[in-house]
Amino acid sequence: MSQEQQTTARTDAELAEYWKHQTIHYRNLANNYLQQLLALKNKPERHYVKTTLHRDPTGTAAVNAVEKERRNSKGQP
């Protein structure tokens, strides 16, 4: 081996250390990206129809009664 090849050649331990740091670096980037994506999705999704996700029977019944009363009162003078 020439002198130049000896200076650029790395030992297995040096390569292992290099790849360990590369792996840590890219894993941290991936984790940061995932956290940013999850933060963007933190807003609740909009519901355009009635949903049964978090049921509130008392509140739902009251709302339905008011809506029914309003519908019925529209037809009367």
N, C-alpha and C. Protein backbone atom coordinates (compact mmCIF):
# COMPACT_ATOMS: atom_id res chain seq x y z
N MET A 1 0.83 -1.18 0.00
CA MET A 1 0.00 0.00 0.00
C MET A 1 0.87 1.24 0.00
N SER A 2 0.43 2.22 -0.75
CA SER A 2 1.20 3.47 -0.76
C SER A 2 0.86 4.29 0.48
N GLN A 3 1.63 5.34 0.68
CA GLN A 3 1.43 6.20 1.86
C GLN A 3 0.05 6.86 1.81
N GLU A 4 -0.38 7.25 0.61
CA GLU A 4 -1.68 7.92 0.47
C GLU A 4 -2.82 6.98 0.84
N GLN A 5 -2.77 5.73 0.41
CA GLN A 5 -3.81 4.76 0.73
C GLN A 5 -3.86 4.48 2.23
N GLN A 6 -2.72 4.48 2.87
CA GLN A 6 -2.69 4.21 4.31
C GLN A 6 -3.35 5.33 5.10
N THR A 7 -3.20 6.56 4.65
CA THR A 7 -3.78 7.67 5.39
C THR A 7 -5.29 7.75 5.19
N THR A 8 -5.81 7.32 4.03
CA THR A 8 -7.24 7.40 3.79
C THR A 8 -7.98 6.15 4.24
N ALA A 9 -7.27 5.06 4.42
CA ALA A 9 -7.92 3.83 4.86
C ALA A 9 -8.34 3.96 6.32
N ARG A 10 -9.53 3.45 6.63
CA ARG A 10 -10.04 3.52 8.00
C ARG A 10 -10.09 2.12 8.58
N THR A 11 -9.93 2.04 9.85
CA THR A 11 -10.04 0.74 10.50
C THR A 11 -11.51 0.39 10.68
N ASP A 12 -11.78 -0.86 10.98
CA ASP A 12 -13.16 -1.28 11.19
C ASP A 12 -13.79 -0.54 12.36
N ALA A 13 -13.02 -0.27 13.38
CA ALA A 13 -13.55 0.44 14.55
C ALA A 13 -13.94 1.87 14.17
N GLU A 14 -13.12 2.52 13.35
CA GLU A 14 -13.44 3.89 12.92
C GLU A 14 -14.70 3.90 12.06
N LEU A 15 -14.81 2.92 11.16
CA LEU A 15 -16.01 2.84 10.31
C LEU A 15 -17.25 2.57 11.16
N ALA A 16 -17.12 1.69 12.14
CA ALA A 16 -18.26 1.39 13.00
C ALA A 16 -18.70 2.63 13.76
N GLU A 17 -17.75 3.39 14.24
CA GLU A 17 -18.06 4.62 14.97
C GLU A 17 -18.73 5.64 14.04
N TYR A 18 -18.22 5.76 12.81
CA TYR A 18 -18.79 6.68 11.83
C TYR A 18 -20.25 6.32 11.54
N TRP A 19 -20.50 5.04 11.26
CA TRP A 19 -21.86 4.62 10.91
C TRP A 19 -22.79 4.70 12.11
N LYS A 20 -22.25 4.51 13.30
CA LYS A 20 -23.08 4.66 14.50
C LYS A 20 -23.58 6.10 14.62
N HIS A 21 -22.68 7.06 14.40
CA HIS A 21 -23.08 8.47 14.48
C HIS A 21 -24.03 8.84 13.34
N GLN A 22 -23.80 8.27 12.15
CA GLN A 22 -24.71 8.54 11.03
C GLN A 22 -26.11 8.01 11.35
N THR A 23 -26.16 6.82 11.92
CA THR A 23 -27.45 6.22 12.27
C THR A 23 -28.17 7.06 13.30
N ILE A 24 -27.46 7.51 14.32
CA ILE A 24 -28.07 8.35 15.36
C ILE A 24 -28.58 9.65 14.75
N HIS A 25 -27.78 10.24 13.88
CA HIS A 25 -28.16 11.51 13.25
C HIS A 25 -29.46 11.36 12.46
N TYR A 26 -29.53 10.35 11.58
CA TYR A 26 -30.71 10.19 10.75
C TYR A 26 -31.91 9.71 11.55
N ARG A 27 -31.69 8.95 12.62
CA ARG A 27 -32.81 8.56 13.47
C ARG A 27 -33.39 9.79 14.16
N ASN A 28 -32.53 10.71 14.61
CA ASN A 28 -33.01 11.94 15.23
C ASN A 28 -33.77 12.80 14.23
N LEU A 29 -33.28 12.87 12.99
CA LEU A 29 -34.00 13.63 11.97
C LEU A 29 -35.38 13.03 11.73
N ALA A 30 -35.45 11.70 11.65
CA ALA A 30 -36.73 11.03 11.43
C ALA A 30 -37.68 11.28 12.59
N ASN A 31 -37.17 11.24 13.81
CA ASN A 31 -38.02 11.49 14.98
C ASN A 31 -38.54 12.92 14.99
N ASN A 32 -37.69 13.87 14.63
CA ASN A 32 -38.12 15.28 14.57
C ASN A 32 -39.20 15.47 13.51
N TYR A 33 -39.01 14.83 12.36
CA TYR A 33 -39.98 14.93 11.28
C TYR A 33 -41.32 14.32 11.71
N LEU A 34 -41.26 13.18 12.37
CA LEU A 34 -42.48 12.54 12.84
C LEU A 34 -43.21 13.43 13.85
N GLN A 35 -42.47 14.06 14.76
CA GLN A 35 -43.09 14.94 15.74
C GLN A 35 -43.76 16.13 15.06
N GLN A 36 -43.13 16.66 14.01
CA GLN A 36 -43.74 17.78 13.29
C GLN A 36 -45.01 17.34 12.59
N LEU A 37 -44.98 16.15 11.99
CA LEU A 37 -46.19 15.65 11.34
C LEU A 37 -47.32 15.45 12.34
N LEU A 38 -46.99 14.87 13.48
CA LEU A 38 -48.02 14.64 14.49
C LEU A 38 -48.56 15.96 15.04
N ALA A 39 -47.70 16.96 15.15
CA ALA A 39 -48.16 18.26 15.64
C ALA A 39 -49.13 18.90 14.65
N LEU A 40 -48.90 18.69 13.36
CA LEU A 40 -49.81 19.23 12.35
C LEU A 40 -51.18 18.56 12.44
N LYS A 41 -51.20 17.28 12.80
CA LYS A 41 -52.45 16.55 12.87
C LYS A 41 -53.14 16.74 14.21
N ASN A 42 -52.62 17.60 15.06
CA ASN A 42 -53.16 17.77 16.41
C ASN A 42 -54.51 18.47 16.41
N LYS A 43 -54.86 19.11 15.30
CA LYS A 43 -56.15 19.78 15.21
C LYS A 43 -57.24 18.72 15.04
N PRO A 44 -58.34 18.82 15.75
CA PRO A 44 -59.40 17.82 15.58
C PRO A 44 -60.01 17.91 14.18
N GLU A 45 -60.42 16.78 13.68
CA GLU A 45 -61.02 16.77 12.35
C GLU A 45 -62.43 17.33 12.44
N ARG A 46 -62.85 17.99 11.38
CA ARG A 46 -64.19 18.57 11.36
C ARG A 46 -65.21 17.50 11.02
N HIS A 47 -66.35 17.58 11.68
CA HIS A 47 -67.43 16.65 11.39
C HIS A 47 -68.56 17.43 10.75
N TYR A 48 -68.99 16.99 9.57
CA TYR A 48 -70.05 17.68 8.87
C TYR A 48 -71.41 17.03 9.13
N VAL A 49 -71.40 15.90 9.80
CA VAL A 49 -72.65 15.22 10.14
C VAL A 49 -72.62 14.92 11.63
N LYS A 50 -73.75 14.51 12.16
CA LYS A 50 -73.79 14.17 13.57
C LYS A 50 -72.89 12.97 13.82
N THR A 51 -72.19 12.99 14.91
CA THR A 51 -71.27 11.91 15.22
C THR A 51 -71.63 11.29 16.56
N THR A 52 -71.29 10.03 16.71
CA THR A 52 -71.55 9.34 17.98
C THR A 52 -70.25 9.08 18.71
N LEU A 53 -69.23 9.86 18.39
CA LEU A 53 -67.91 9.60 18.97
C LEU A 53 -67.92 9.78 20.48
N HIS A 54 -68.29 10.95 20.96
CA HIS A 54 -68.39 11.19 22.39
C HIS A 54 -69.85 11.47 22.69
N ARG A 55 -70.59 10.46 23.02
CA ARG A 55 -72.03 10.61 23.20
C ARG A 55 -72.34 11.37 24.48
N ASP A 56 -73.28 12.25 24.35
CA ASP A 56 -73.81 12.99 25.49
C ASP A 56 -75.33 12.86 25.39
N PRO A 57 -75.90 11.79 25.94
CA PRO A 57 -77.33 11.52 25.71
C PRO A 57 -78.23 12.67 26.16
N THR A 58 -77.91 13.28 27.29
CA THR A 58 -78.76 14.37 27.79
C THR A 58 -78.68 15.58 26.87
N GLY A 59 -77.45 15.96 26.53
CA GLY A 59 -77.27 17.11 25.65
C GLY A 59 -77.84 16.86 24.27
N THR A 60 -77.65 15.65 23.75
CA THR A 60 -78.15 15.31 22.43
C THR A 60 -79.67 15.35 22.42
N ALA A 61 -80.28 14.81 23.46
CA ALA A 61 -81.73 14.82 23.53
C ALA A 61 -82.26 16.25 23.60
N ALA A 62 -81.58 17.10 24.35
CA ALA A 62 -82.02 18.50 24.47
C ALA A 62 -81.90 19.20 23.12
N VAL A 63 -80.81 18.99 22.43
CA VAL A 63 -80.61 19.62 21.12
C VAL A 63 -81.66 19.13 20.14
N ASN A 64 -81.91 17.82 20.14
CA ASN A 64 -82.91 17.27 19.23
C ASN A 64 -84.29 17.83 19.53
N ALA A 65 -84.61 18.01 20.82
CA ALA A 65 -85.91 18.56 21.18
C ALA A 65 -86.04 20.00 20.69
N VAL A 66 -84.99 20.79 20.84
CA VAL A 66 -85.03 22.18 20.38
C VAL A 66 -85.16 22.23 18.86
N GLU A 67 -84.40 21.39 18.15
CA GLU A 67 -84.49 21.38 16.69
C GLU A 67 -85.88 20.97 16.24
N LYS A 68 -86.47 19.99 16.91
CA LYS A 68 -87.82 19.53 16.56
C LYS A 68 -88.83 20.65 16.79
N GLU A 69 -88.67 21.34 17.92
CA GLU A 69 -89.58 22.45 18.23
C GLU A 69 -89.46 23.56 17.19
N ARG A 70 -88.24 23.88 16.77
CA ARG A 70 -88.04 24.92 15.75
C ARG A 70 -88.65 24.51 14.42
N ARG A 71 -88.47 23.25 14.04
CA ARG A 71 -89.06 22.77 12.78
C ARG A 71 -90.58 22.87 12.83
N ASN A 72 -91.14 22.48 13.96
CA ASN A 72 -92.60 22.51 14.08
C ASN A 72 -93.13 23.94 14.14
N SER A 73 -92.37 24.85 14.73
CA SER A 73 -92.85 26.22 14.86
C SER A 73 -92.74 26.99 13.55
N LYS A 74 -91.92 26.54 12.61
CA LYS A 74 -91.78 27.24 11.33
C LYS A 74 -93.06 27.14 10.51
N GLY A 75 -93.76 26.04 10.66
CA GLY A 75 -94.98 25.85 9.89
C GLY A 75 -96.15 26.65 10.43
N GLN A 76 -96.07 27.10 11.67
CA GLN A 76 -97.18 27.84 12.28
C GLN A 76 -96.99 29.34 12.08
N PRO A 77 -98.11 30.08 11.94
CA PRO A 77 -98.00 31.54 11.75
C PRO A 77 -97.63 32.28 12.99
